[in-house]
Amino acid sequence: MPAKLTDLTSLEQLSEVLDNSNQRTQLIFKHSNTCPISTTAYKQMQSYLQNSPSENVDYSLIVVQTARNISNEVAAKLGVVHESPQAILVKNGQAVWNKSHFDITQKSLTEAINNN
């Protein structure tokens, strides 16, 4: 069954995602809706979610144009330099893996989730 990306539109939602990472792995995807590279990465993310998503992971989306403060808070709280597009895997409140740009592929997402 396909998984879905939940839009993060508030700092409260982000806090919930980070808190939930103590029980379930969280994947945060930062997307720029004006960048062609981000569109390519987003398509890879959608392909992953349609074909082989882990049922043990929650998936969140931050659209950087409309949620810059949330994107900045992710960088600050997780200590991961902001990039867009960017995929960040979070466990126990810590970033355990992240990739950006063309390194975000269905294969890299599958491997990261399976290995963490």
PDB file of N, CA and C in Angstrom:
ATOM      1  N   MET A   1       0.849  -1.184   0.000  1.00  0.00           N
ATOM      2  CA  MET A   1       0.000   0.000   0.000  1.00  0.00           C
ATOM      3  C   MET A   1       0.892   1.243   0.000  1.00  0.00           C
ATOM      4  N   PRO A   2       0.588   2.211  -0.856  1.00  0.00           N
ATOM      5  CA  PRO A   2       1.416   3.424  -0.910  1.00  0.00           C
ATOM      6  C   PRO A   2       1.360   4.198   0.407  1.00  0.00           C
ATOM      7  N   ALA A   3       2.485   4.777   0.756  1.00  0.00           N
ATOM      8  CA  ALA A   3       2.542   5.662   1.919  1.00  0.00           C
ATOM      9  C   ALA A   3       2.317   7.084   1.425  1.00  0.00           C
ATOM     10  N   LYS A   4       2.052   7.998   2.357  1.00  0.00           N
ATOM     11  CA  LYS A   4       1.847   9.385   1.929  1.00  0.00           C
ATOM     12  C   LYS A   4       2.739  10.320   2.717  1.00  0.00           C
ATOM     13  N   LEU A   5       3.023  11.437   2.088  1.00  0.00           N
ATOM     14  CA  LEU A   5       3.774  12.512   2.733  1.00  0.00           C
ATOM     15  C   LEU A   5       2.787  13.416   3.462  1.00  0.00           C
ATOM     16  N   THR A   6       3.078  13.698   4.717  1.00  0.00           N
ATOM     17  CA  THR A   6       2.264  14.627   5.490  1.00  0.00           C
ATOM     18  C   THR A   6       2.947  15.986   5.469  1.00  0.00           C
ATOM     19  N   ASP A   7       2.204  17.013   5.037  1.00  0.00           N
ATOM     20  CA  ASP A   7       2.750  18.377   4.998  1.00  0.00           C
ATOM     21  C   ASP A   7       3.001  18.883   6.405  1.00  0.00           C
ATOM     22  N   LEU A   8       4.220  19.362   6.642  1.00  0.00           N
ATOM     23  CA  LEU A   8       4.521  20.030   7.910  1.00  0.00           C
ATOM     24  C   LEU A   8       4.339  21.525   7.690  1.00  0.00           C
ATOM     25  N   THR A   9       3.373  22.088   8.392  1.00  0.00           N
ATOM     26  CA  THR A   9       3.065  23.497   8.198  1.00  0.00           C
ATOM     27  C   THR A   9       3.161  24.302   9.493  1.00  0.00           C
ATOM     28  N   SER A  10       3.565  23.630  10.593  1.00  0.00           N
ATOM     29  CA  SER A  10       3.702  24.358  11.867  1.00  0.00           C
ATOM     30  C   SER A  10       4.877  23.786  12.657  1.00  0.00           C
ATOM     31  N   LEU A  11       5.410  24.623  13.525  1.00  0.00           N
ATOM     32  CA  LEU A  11       6.498  24.168  14.399  1.00  0.00           C
ATOM     33  C   LEU A  11       6.004  23.106  15.380  1.00  0.00           C
ATOM     34  N   GLU A  12       4.717  23.164  15.731  1.00  0.00           N
ATOM     35  CA  GLU A  12       4.145  22.148  16.611  1.00  0.00           C
ATOM     36  C   GLU A  12       4.165  20.781  15.928  1.00  0.00           C
ATOM     37  N   GLN A  13       3.819  20.742  14.644  1.00  0.00           N
ATOM     38  CA  GLN A  13       3.882  19.475  13.906  1.00  0.00           C
ATOM     39  C   GLN A  13       5.311  18.945  13.866  1.00  0.00           C
ATOM     40  N   LEU A  14       6.277  19.820  13.630  1.00  0.00           N
ATOM     41  CA  LEU A  14       7.672  19.395  13.608  1.00  0.00           C
ATOM     42  C   LEU A  14       8.070  18.814  14.964  1.00  0.00           C
ATOM     43  N   SER A  15       7.661  19.458  16.047  1.00  0.00           N
ATOM     44  CA  SER A  15       7.966  18.937  17.380  1.00  0.00           C
ATOM     45  C   SER A  15       7.388  17.543  17.569  1.00  0.00           C
ATOM     46  N   GLU A  16       6.171  17.334  17.066  1.00  0.00           N
ATOM     47  CA  GLU A  16       5.549  16.003  17.137  1.00  0.00           C
ATOM     48  C   GLU A  16       6.357  14.980  16.356  1.00  0.00           C
ATOM     49  N   VAL A  17       6.786  15.339  15.153  1.00  0.00           N
ATOM     50  CA  VAL A  17       7.586  14.427  14.334  1.00  0.00           C
ATOM     51  C   VAL A  17       8.868  14.049  15.073  1.00  0.00           C
ATOM     52  N   LEU A  18       9.544  15.034  15.638  1.00  0.00           N
ATOM     53  CA  LEU A  18      10.795  14.756  16.351  1.00  0.00           C
ATOM     54  C   LEU A  18      10.532  13.924  17.600  1.00  0.00           C
ATOM     55  N   ASP A  19       9.448  14.201  18.315  1.00  0.00           N
ATOM     56  CA  ASP A  19       9.083  13.383  19.472  1.00  0.00           C
ATOM     57  C   ASP A  19       8.753  11.957  19.047  1.00  0.00           C
ATOM     58  N   ASN A  20       8.005  11.829  17.955  1.00  0.00           N
ATOM     59  CA  ASN A  20       7.615  10.505  17.460  1.00  0.00           C
ATOM     60  C   ASN A  20       8.816   9.681  17.012  1.00  0.00           C
ATOM     61  N   SER A  21       9.927  10.360  16.697  1.00  0.00           N
ATOM     62  CA  SER A  21      11.117   9.628  16.234  1.00  0.00           C
ATOM     63  C   SER A  21      11.704   8.746  17.333  1.00  0.00           C
ATOM     64  N   ASN A  22      11.241   8.923  18.573  1.00  0.00           N
ATOM     65  CA  ASN A  22      11.674   8.043  19.656  1.00  0.00           C
ATOM     66  C   ASN A  22      10.981   6.684  19.586  1.00  0.00           C
ATOM     67  N   GLN A  23       9.851   6.608  18.882  1.00  0.00           N
ATOM     68  CA  GLN A  23       9.138   5.338  18.718  1.00  0.00           C
ATOM     69  C   GLN A  23       9.208   4.802  17.288  1.00  0.00           C
ATOM     70  N   ARG A  24       9.162   5.695  16.319  1.00  0.00           N
ATOM     71  CA  ARG A  24       9.143   5.303  14.899  1.00  0.00           C
ATOM     72  C   ARG A  24      10.116   6.174  14.125  1.00  0.00           C
ATOM     73  N   THR A  25      10.782   5.573  13.172  1.00  0.00           N
ATOM     74  CA  THR A  25      11.670   6.327  12.297  1.00  0.00           C
ATOM     75  C   THR A  25      10.845   7.335  11.507  1.00  0.00           C
ATOM     76  N   GLN A  26      11.414   8.533  11.312  1.00  0.00           N
ATOM     77  CA  GLN A  26      10.755   9.615  10.570  1.00  0.00           C
ATOM     78  C   GLN A  26      11.622   9.984   9.367  1.00  0.00           C
ATOM     79  N   LEU A  27      11.001  10.203   8.225  1.00  0.00           N
ATOM     80  CA  LEU A  27      11.732  10.705   7.071  1.00  0.00           C
ATOM     81  C   LEU A  27      11.150  12.065   6.715  1.00  0.00           C
ATOM     82  N   ILE A  28      12.006  13.081   6.725  1.00  0.00           N
ATOM     83  CA  ILE A  28      11.591  14.445   6.383  1.00  0.00           C
ATOM     84  C   ILE A  28      12.157  14.771   5.007  1.00  0.00           C
ATOM     85  N   PHE A  29      11.272  15.201   4.113  1.00  0.00           N
ATOM     86  CA  PHE A  29      11.696  15.573   2.761  1.00  0.00           C
ATOM     87  C   PHE A  29      11.464  17.068   2.574  1.00  0.00           C
ATOM     88  N   LYS A  30      12.545  17.806   2.313  1.00  0.00           N
ATOM     89  CA  LYS A  30      12.443  19.242   2.030  1.00  0.00           C
ATOM     90  C   LYS A  30      12.372  19.413   0.516  1.00  0.00           C
ATOM     91  N   HIS A  31      11.383  20.164   0.074  1.00  0.00           N
ATOM     92  CA  HIS A  31      11.127  20.321  -1.357  1.00  0.00           C
ATOM     93  C   HIS A  31      10.984  21.798  -1.720  1.00  0.00           C
ATOM     94  N   SER A  32      11.627  22.170  -2.813  1.00  0.00           N
ATOM     95  CA  SER A  32      11.438  23.502  -3.388  1.00  0.00           C
ATOM     96  C   SER A  32      10.554  23.350  -4.622  1.00  0.00           C
ATOM     97  N   ASN A  33       9.402  24.006  -4.613  1.00  0.00           N
ATOM     98  CA  ASN A  33       8.500  23.852  -5.760  1.00  0.00           C
ATOM     99  C   ASN A  33       8.883  24.720  -6.955  1.00  0.00           C
ATOM    100  N   THR A  34      10.056  25.357  -6.904  1.00  0.00           N
ATOM    101  CA  THR A  34      10.514  26.139  -8.060  1.00  0.00           C
ATOM    102  C   THR A  34      11.804  25.594  -8.661  1.00  0.00           C
ATOM    103  N   CYS A  35      12.317  24.494  -8.122  1.00  0.00           N
ATOM    104  CA  CYS A  35      13.624  23.970  -8.547  1.00  0.00           C
ATOM    105  C   CYS A  35      13.461  22.670  -9.326  1.00  0.00           C
ATOM    106  N   PRO A  36      13.988  22.610 -10.554  1.00  0.00           N
ATOM    107  CA  PRO A  36      13.868  21.379 -11.348  1.00  0.00           C
ATOM    108  C   PRO A  36      14.577  20.176 -10.710  1.00  0.00           C
ATOM    109  N   ILE A  37      15.682  20.410 -10.020  1.00  0.00           N
ATOM    110  CA  ILE A  37      16.367  19.298  -9.349  1.00  0.00           C
ATOM    111  C   ILE A  37      15.470  18.763  -8.231  1.00  0.00           C
ATOM    112  N   SER A  38      14.830  19.657  -7.514  1.00  0.00           N
ATOM    113  CA  SER A  38      13.916  19.242  -6.449  1.00  0.00           C
ATOM    114  C   SER A  38      12.736  18.459  -7.020  1.00  0.00           C
ATOM    115  N   THR A  39      12.257  18.863  -8.178  1.00  0.00           N
ATOM    116  CA  THR A  39      11.167  18.124  -8.830  1.00  0.00           C
ATOM    117  C   THR A  39      11.602  16.702  -9.132  1.00  0.00           C
ATOM    118  N   THR A  40      12.826  16.533  -9.610  1.00  0.00           N
ATOM    119  CA  THR A  40      13.357  15.190  -9.892  1.00  0.00           C
ATOM    120  C   THR A  40      13.428  14.371  -8.606  1.00  0.00           C
ATOM    121  N   ALA A  41      13.945  14.961  -7.536  1.00  0.00           N
ATOM    122  CA  ALA A  41      14.046  14.255  -6.252  1.00  0.00           C
ATOM    123  C   ALA A  41      12.651  13.929  -5.711  1.00  0.00           C
ATOM    124  N   TYR A  42      11.723  14.845  -5.874  1.00  0.00           N
ATOM    125  CA  TYR A  42      10.345  14.621  -5.413  1.00  0.00           C
ATOM    126  C   TYR A  42       9.722  13.440  -6.151  1.00  0.00           C
ATOM    127  N   LYS A  43       9.983  13.345  -7.442  1.00  0.00           N
ATOM    128  CA  LYS A  43       9.476  12.200  -8.219  1.00  0.00           C
ATOM    129  C   LYS A  43      10.085  10.894  -7.722  1.00  0.00           C
ATOM    130  N   GLN A  44      11.366  10.923  -7.359  1.00  0.00           N
ATOM    131  CA  GLN A  44      12.003   9.730  -6.785  1.00  0.00           C
ATOM    132  C   GLN A  44      11.353   9.367  -5.450  1.00  0.00           C
ATOM    133  N   MET A  45      11.071  10.369  -4.644  1.00  0.00           N
ATOM    134  CA  MET A  45      10.411  10.151  -3.358  1.00  0.00           C
ATOM    135  C   MET A  45       9.029   9.550  -3.573  1.00  0.00           C
ATOM    136  N   GLN A  46       8.264  10.098  -4.509  1.00  0.00           N
ATOM    137  CA  GLN A  46       6.929   9.575  -4.810  1.00  0.00           C
ATOM    138  C   GLN A  46       7.004   8.137  -5.316  1.00  0.00           C
ATOM    139  N   SER A  47       7.985   7.857  -6.139  1.00  0.00           N
ATOM    140  CA  SER A  47       8.171   6.501  -6.648  1.00  0.00           C
ATOM    141  C   SER A  47       8.445   5.538  -5.497  1.00  0.00           C
ATOM    142  N   TYR A  48       9.312   5.952  -4.580  1.00  0.00           N
ATOM    143  CA  TYR A  48       9.589   5.137  -3.391  1.00  0.00           C
ATOM    144  C   TYR A  48       8.288   4.888  -2.614  1.00  0.00           C
ATOM    145  N   LEU A  49       7.528   5.935  -2.372  1.00  0.00           N
ATOM    146  CA  LEU A  49       6.301   5.814  -1.584  1.00  0.00           C
ATOM    147  C   LEU A  49       5.255   4.944  -2.274  1.00  0.00           C
ATOM    148  N   GLN A  50       5.246   4.930  -3.603  1.00  0.00           N
ATOM    149  CA  GLN A  50       4.280   4.125  -4.355  1.00  0.00           C
ATOM    150  C   GLN A  50       4.681   2.652  -4.428  1.00  0.00           C
ATOM    151  N   ASN A  51       6.000   2.390  -4.433  1.00  0.00           N
ATOM    152  CA  ASN A  51       6.464   1.041  -4.751  1.00  0.00           C
ATOM    153  C   ASN A  51       7.000   0.229  -3.586  1.00  0.00           C
ATOM    154  N   SER A  52       7.725   0.853  -2.683  1.00  0.00           N
ATOM    155  CA  SER A  52       8.400   0.029  -1.677  1.00  0.00           C
ATOM    156  C   SER A  52       8.527   0.698  -0.313  1.00  0.00           C
ATOM    157  N   PRO A  53       7.507   1.432   0.135  1.00  0.00           N
ATOM    158  CA  PRO A  53       7.694   2.153   1.391  1.00  0.00           C
ATOM    159  C   PRO A  53       7.728   1.224   2.600  1.00  0.00           C
ATOM    160  N   SER A  54       8.563   1.555   3.553  1.00  0.00           N
ATOM    161  CA  SER A  54       8.571   0.839   4.819  1.00  0.00           C
ATOM    162  C   SER A  54       7.337   1.255   5.614  1.00  0.00           C
ATOM    163  N   GLU A  55       6.662   0.270   6.198  1.00  0.00           N
ATOM    164  CA  GLU A  55       5.502   0.569   7.030  1.00  0.00           C
ATOM    165  C   GLU A  55       5.918   1.039   8.423  1.00  0.00           C
ATOM    166  N   ASN A  56       7.234   1.004   8.695  1.00  0.00           N
ATOM    167  CA  ASN A  56       7.746   1.383  10.011  1.00  0.00           C
ATOM    168  C   ASN A  56       8.253   2.819  10.048  1.00  0.00           C
ATOM    169  N   VAL A  57       7.947   3.582   9.021  1.00  0.00           N
ATOM    170  CA  VAL A  57       8.451   4.950   8.896  1.00  0.00           C
ATOM    171  C   VAL A  57       7.275   5.890   8.635  1.00  0.00           C
ATOM    172  N   ASP A  58       7.332   7.079   9.237  1.00  0.00           N
ATOM    173  CA  ASP A  58       6.391   8.149   8.916  1.00  0.00           C
ATOM    174  C   ASP A  58       7.104   9.121   7.984  1.00  0.00           C
ATOM    175  N   TYR A  59       6.387   9.658   7.012  1.00  0.00           N
ATOM    176  CA  TYR A  59       6.973  10.495   5.965  1.00  0.00           C
ATOM    177  C   TYR A  59       6.369  11.894   6.015  1.00  0.00           C
ATOM    178  N   SER A  60       7.249  12.904   6.070  1.00  0.00           N
ATOM    179  CA  SER A  60       6.805  14.292   6.155  1.00  0.00           C
ATOM    180  C   SER A  60       7.413  15.119   5.032  1.00  0.00           C
ATOM    181  N   LEU A  61       6.693  16.155   4.629  1.00  0.00           N
ATOM    182  CA  LEU A  61       7.109  17.055   3.555  1.00  0.00           C
ATOM    183  C   LEU A  61       7.160  18.476   4.080  1.00  0.00           C
ATOM    184  N   ILE A  62       8.267  19.157   3.777  1.00  0.00           N
ATOM    185  CA  ILE A  62       8.379  20.588   4.038  1.00  0.00           C
ATOM    186  C   ILE A  62       8.579  21.281   2.698  1.00  0.00           C
ATOM    187  N   VAL A  63       7.643  22.123   2.310  1.00  0.00           N
ATOM    188  CA  VAL A  63       7.806  22.939   1.111  1.00  0.00           C
ATOM    189  C   VAL A  63       8.497  24.220   1.559  1.00  0.00           C
ATOM    190  N   VAL A  64       9.746  24.383   1.131  1.00  0.00           N
ATOM    191  CA  VAL A  64      10.567  25.458   1.708  1.00  0.00           C
ATOM    192  C   VAL A  64      10.017  26.854   1.420  1.00  0.00           C
ATOM    193  N   GLN A  65       9.315  27.045   0.319  1.00  0.00           N
ATOM    194  CA  GLN A  65       8.775  28.375   0.017  1.00  0.00           C
ATOM    195  C   GLN A  65       7.686  28.795   1.004  1.00  0.00           C
ATOM    196  N   THR A  66       6.933  27.836   1.504  1.00  0.00           N
ATOM    197  CA  THR A  66       5.807  28.175   2.376  1.00  0.00           C
ATOM    198  C   THR A  66       6.078  27.839   3.842  1.00  0.00           C
ATOM    199  N   ALA A  67       7.184  27.178   4.119  1.00  0.00           N
ATOM    200  CA  ALA A  67       7.478  26.775   5.500  1.00  0.00           C
ATOM    201  C   ALA A  67       8.966  26.960   5.811  1.00  0.00           C
ATOM    202  N   ARG A  68       9.479  28.122   5.459  1.00  0.00           N
ATOM    203  CA  ARG A  68      10.909  28.401   5.668  1.00  0.00           C
ATOM    204  C   ARG A  68      11.295  28.276   7.141  1.00  0.00           C
ATOM    205  N   ASN A  69      10.435  28.764   8.032  1.00  0.00           N
ATOM    206  CA  ASN A  69      10.751  28.693   9.466  1.00  0.00           C
ATOM    207  C   ASN A  69      10.868  27.240   9.936  1.00  0.00           C
ATOM    208  N   ILE A  70      10.047  26.369   9.405  1.00  0.00           N
ATOM    209  CA  ILE A  70      10.097  24.956   9.783  1.00  0.00           C
ATOM    210  C   ILE A  70      11.364  24.320   9.217  1.00  0.00           C
ATOM    211  N   SER A  71      11.684  24.655   7.979  1.00  0.00           N
ATOM    212  CA  SER A  71      12.911  24.163   7.363  1.00  0.00           C
ATOM    213  C   SER A  71      14.138  24.591   8.162  1.00  0.00           C
ATOM    214  N   ASN A  72      14.166  25.855   8.568  1.00  0.00           N
ATOM    215  CA  ASN A  72      15.283  26.368   9.370  1.00  0.00           C
ATOM    216  C   ASN A  72      15.363  25.674  10.728  1.00  0.00           C
ATOM    217  N   GLU A  73      14.207  25.382  11.312  1.00  0.00           N
ATOM    218  CA  GLU A  73      14.172  24.714  12.618  1.00  0.00           C
ATOM    219  C   GLU A  73      14.705  23.280  12.507  1.00  0.00           C
ATOM    220  N   VAL A  74      14.411  22.603  11.405  1.00  0.00           N
ATOM    221  CA  VAL A  74      14.952  21.254  11.171  1.00  0.00           C
ATOM    222  C   VAL A  74      16.475  21.323  11.157  1.00  0.00           C
ATOM    223  N   ALA A  75      17.010  22.286  10.423  1.00  0.00           N
ATOM    224  CA  ALA A  75      18.470  22.439  10.349  1.00  0.00           C
ATOM    225  C   ALA A  75      19.054  22.693  11.733  1.00  0.00           C
ATOM    226  N   ALA A  76      18.422  23.562  12.505  1.00  0.00           N
ATOM    227  CA  ALA A  76      18.923  23.914  13.832  1.00  0.00           C
ATOM    228  C   ALA A  76      18.823  22.734  14.806  1.00  0.00           C
ATOM    229  N   LYS A  77      17.668  22.088  14.847  1.00  0.00           N
ATOM    230  CA  LYS A  77      17.453  21.014  15.830  1.00  0.00           C
ATOM    231  C   LYS A  77      18.248  19.764  15.505  1.00  0.00           C
ATOM    232  N   LEU A  78      18.412  19.459  14.211  1.00  0.00           N
ATOM    233  CA  LEU A  78      19.083  18.214  13.834  1.00  0.00           C
ATOM    234  C   LEU A  78      20.552  18.422  13.480  1.00  0.00           C
ATOM    235  N   GLY A  79      20.980  19.672  13.394  1.00  0.00           N
ATOM    236  CA  GLY A  79      22.370  19.941  13.067  1.00  0.00           C
ATOM    237  C   GLY A  79      22.744  19.535  11.650  1.00  0.00           C
ATOM    238  N   VAL A  80      21.775  19.602  10.754  1.00  0.00           N
ATOM    239  CA  VAL A  80      21.997  19.247   9.352  1.00  0.00           C
ATOM    240  C   VAL A  80      21.893  20.524   8.526  1.00  0.00           C
ATOM    241  N   VAL A  81      22.956  20.863   7.821  1.00  0.00           N
ATOM    242  CA  VAL A  81      22.958  22.068   7.000  1.00  0.00           C
ATOM    243  C   VAL A  81      21.808  22.000   5.998  1.00  0.00           C
ATOM    244  N   HIS A  82      21.032  23.078   5.899  1.00  0.00           N
ATOM    245  CA  HIS A  82      19.883  23.119   4.992  1.00  0.00           C
ATOM    246  C   HIS A  82      20.318  22.980   3.541  1.00  0.00           C
ATOM    247  N   GLU A  83      19.632  22.094   2.842  1.00  0.00           N
ATOM    248  CA  GLU A  83      19.728  22.009   1.390  1.00  0.00           C
ATOM    249  C   GLU A  83      18.321  21.755   0.877  1.00  0.00           C
ATOM    250  N   SER A  84      18.139  21.973  -0.387  1.00  0.00           N
ATOM    251  CA  SER A  84      16.844  21.717  -0.997  1.00  0.00           C
ATOM    252  C   SER A  84      17.073  21.303  -2.442  1.00  0.00           C
ATOM    253  N   PRO A  85      16.588  20.134  -2.802  1.00  0.00           N
ATOM    254  CA  PRO A  85      15.851  19.160  -2.004  1.00  0.00           C
ATOM    255  C   PRO A  85      16.763  18.450  -1.013  1.00  0.00           C
ATOM    256  N   GLN A  86      16.118  17.884   0.005  1.00  0.00           N
ATOM    257  CA  GLN A  86      16.878  17.163   1.024  1.00  0.00           C
ATOM    258  C   GLN A  86      15.974  16.121   1.670  1.00  0.00           C
ATOM    259  N   ALA A  87      16.547  14.949   1.916  1.00  0.00           N
ATOM    260  CA  ALA A  87      15.855  13.889   2.654  1.00  0.00           C
ATOM    261  C   ALA A  87      16.659  13.620   3.916  1.00  0.00           C
ATOM    262  N   ILE A  88      15.970  13.602   5.060  1.00  0.00           N
ATOM    263  CA  ILE A  88      16.620  13.399   6.360  1.00  0.00           C
ATOM    264  C   ILE A  88      15.882  12.285   7.095  1.00  0.00           C
ATOM    265  N   LEU A  89      16.627  11.272   7.491  1.00  0.00           N
ATOM    266  CA  LEU A  89      16.074  10.174   8.283  1.00  0.00           C
ATOM    267  C   LEU A  89      16.366  10.464   9.750  1.00  0.00           C
ATOM    268  N   VAL A  90      15.326  10.402  10.587  1.00  0.00           N
ATOM    269  CA  VAL A  90      15.443  10.790  11.996  1.00  0.00           C
ATOM    270  C   VAL A  90      15.022   9.626  12.891  1.00  0.00           C
ATOM    271  N   LYS A  91      15.909   9.298  13.844  1.00  0.00           N
ATOM    272  CA  LYS A  91      15.609   8.307  14.879  1.00  0.00           C
ATOM    273  C   LYS A  91      16.047   8.883  16.214  1.00  0.00           C
ATOM    274  N   ASN A  92      15.199   8.709  17.224  1.00  0.00           N
ATOM    275  CA  ASN A  92      15.520   9.176  18.575  1.00  0.00           C
ATOM    276  C   ASN A  92      15.972  10.637  18.593  1.00  0.00           C
ATOM    277  N   GLY A  93      15.297  11.466  17.788  1.00  0.00           N
ATOM    278  CA  GLY A  93      15.588  12.891  17.771  1.00  0.00           C
ATOM    279  C   GLY A  93      16.885  13.281  17.086  1.00  0.00           C
ATOM    280  N   GLN A  94      17.517  12.329  16.391  1.00  0.00           N
ATOM    281  CA  GLN A  94      18.806  12.582  15.739  1.00  0.00           C
ATOM    282  C   GLN A  94      18.716  12.269  14.244  1.00  0.00           C
ATOM    283  N   ALA A  95      19.388  13.063  13.443  1.00  0.00           N
ATOM    284  CA  ALA A  95      19.505  12.740  12.015  1.00  0.00           C
ATOM    285  C   ALA A  95      20.506  11.591  11.882  1.00  0.00           C
ATOM    286  N   VAL A  96      20.067  10.468  11.317  1.00  0.00           N
ATOM    287  CA  VAL A  96      20.950   9.310  11.153  1.00  0.00           C
ATOM    288  C   VAL A  96      21.412   9.152   9.704  1.00  0.00           C
ATOM    289  N   TRP A  97      20.792   9.915   8.793  1.00  0.00           N
ATOM    290  CA  TRP A  97      21.144   9.852   7.366  1.00  0.00           C
ATOM    291  C   TRP A  97      20.533  11.068   6.708  1.00  0.00           C
ATOM    292  N   ASN A  98      21.246  11.636   5.742  1.00  0.00           N
ATOM    293  CA  ASN A  98      20.625  12.669   4.911  1.00  0.00           C
ATOM    294  C   ASN A  98      21.326  12.732   3.568  1.00  0.00           C
ATOM    295  N   LYS A  99      20.563  13.072   2.568  1.00  0.00           N
ATOM    296  CA  LYS A  99      21.069  13.237   1.202  1.00  0.00           C
ATOM    297  C   LYS A  99      20.351  14.428   0.581  1.00  0.00           C
ATOM    298  N   SER A 100      20.976  14.947  -0.474  1.00  0.00           N
ATOM    299  CA  SER A 100      20.342  16.071  -1.167  1.00  0.00           C
ATOM    300  C   SER A 100      20.505  15.908  -2.673  1.00  0.00           C
ATOM    301  N   HIS A 101      19.765  16.733  -3.382  1.00  0.00           N
ATOM    302  CA  HIS A 101      19.831  16.837  -4.830  1.00  0.00           C
ATOM    303  C   HIS A 101      19.699  15.477  -5.511  1.00  0.00           C
ATOM    304  N   PHE A 102      20.592  15.164  -6.460  1.00  0.00           N
ATOM    305  CA  PHE A 102      20.454  13.938  -7.250  1.00  0.00           C
ATOM    306  C   PHE A 102      20.799  12.673  -6.464  1.00  0.00           C
ATOM    307  N   ASP A 103      21.277  12.820  -5.219  1.00  0.00           N
ATOM    308  CA  ASP A 103      21.537  11.641  -4.382  1.00  0.00           C
ATOM    309  C   ASP A 103      20.247  11.092  -3.769  1.00  0.00           C
ATOM    310  N   ILE A 104      19.139  11.806  -3.941  1.00  0.00           N
ATOM    311  CA  ILE A 104      17.852  11.315  -3.455  1.00  0.00           C
ATOM    312  C   ILE A 104      17.223  10.489  -4.571  1.00  0.00           C
ATOM    313  N   THR A 105      17.286   9.175  -4.392  1.00  0.00           N
ATOM    314  CA  THR A 105      16.710   8.255  -5.374  1.00  0.00           C
ATOM    315  C   THR A 105      15.876   7.217  -4.638  1.00  0.00           C
ATOM    316  N   GLN A 106      15.031   6.536  -5.382  1.00  0.00           N
ATOM    317  CA  GLN A 106      14.246   5.461  -4.783  1.00  0.00           C
ATOM    318  C   GLN A 106      15.186   4.452  -4.132  1.00  0.00           C
ATOM    319  N   LYS A 107      16.297   4.134  -4.802  1.00  0.00           N
ATOM    320  CA  LYS A 107      17.258   3.175  -4.273  1.00  0.00           C
ATOM    321  C   LYS A 107      17.933   3.693  -3.000  1.00  0.00           C
ATOM    322  N   SER A 108      18.385   4.960  -2.996  1.00  0.00           N
ATOM    323  CA  SER A 108      19.071   5.482  -1.808  1.00  0.00           C
ATOM    324  C   SER A 108      18.130   5.561  -0.612  1.00  0.00           C
ATOM    325  N   LEU A 109      16.862   5.895  -0.854  1.00  0.00           N
ATOM    326  CA  LEU A 109      15.875   5.943   0.227  1.00  0.00           C
ATOM    327  C   LEU A 109      15.628   4.548   0.802  1.00  0.00           C
ATOM    328  N   THR A 110      15.477   3.573  -0.085  1.00  0.00           N
ATOM    329  CA  THR A 110      15.258   2.184   0.362  1.00  0.00           C
ATOM    330  C   THR A 110      16.429   1.695   1.181  1.00  0.00           C
ATOM    331  N   GLU A 111      17.657   1.918   0.678  1.00  0.00           N
ATOM    332  CA  GLU A 111      18.847   1.461   1.383  1.00  0.00           C
ATOM    333  C   GLU A 111      19.001   2.145   2.735  1.00  0.00           C
ATOM    334  N   ALA A 112      18.772   3.448   2.788  1.00  0.00           N
ATOM    335  CA  ALA A 112      18.909   4.189   4.045  1.00  0.00           C
ATOM    336  C   ALA A 112      17.930   3.681   5.091  1.00  0.00           C
ATOM    337  N   ILE A 113      16.697   3.482   4.672  1.00  0.00           N
ATOM    338  CA  ILE A 113      15.674   3.026   5.613  1.00  0.00           C
ATOM    339  C   ILE A 113      15.961   1.593   6.053  1.00  0.00           C
ATOM    340  N   ASN A 114      16.368   0.739   5.144  1.00  0.00           N
ATOM    341  CA  ASN A 114      16.673  -0.648   5.493  1.00  0.00           C
ATOM    342  C   ASN A 114      17.899  -0.758   6.391  1.00  0.00           C
ATOM    343  N   ASN A 115      18.861   0.154   6.239  1.00  0.00           N
ATOM    344  CA  ASN A 115      20.111   0.092   6.996  1.00  0.00           C
ATOM    345  C   ASN A 115      20.061   0.839   8.316  1.00  0.00           C
ATOM    346  N   ASN A 116      18.998   1.575   8.558  1.00  0.00           N
ATOM    347  CA  ASN A 116      18.893   2.340   9.798  1.00  0.00           C
ATOM    348  C   ASN A 116      17.666   1.921  10.584  1.00  0.00           C
TER     349      ASN A 116
END
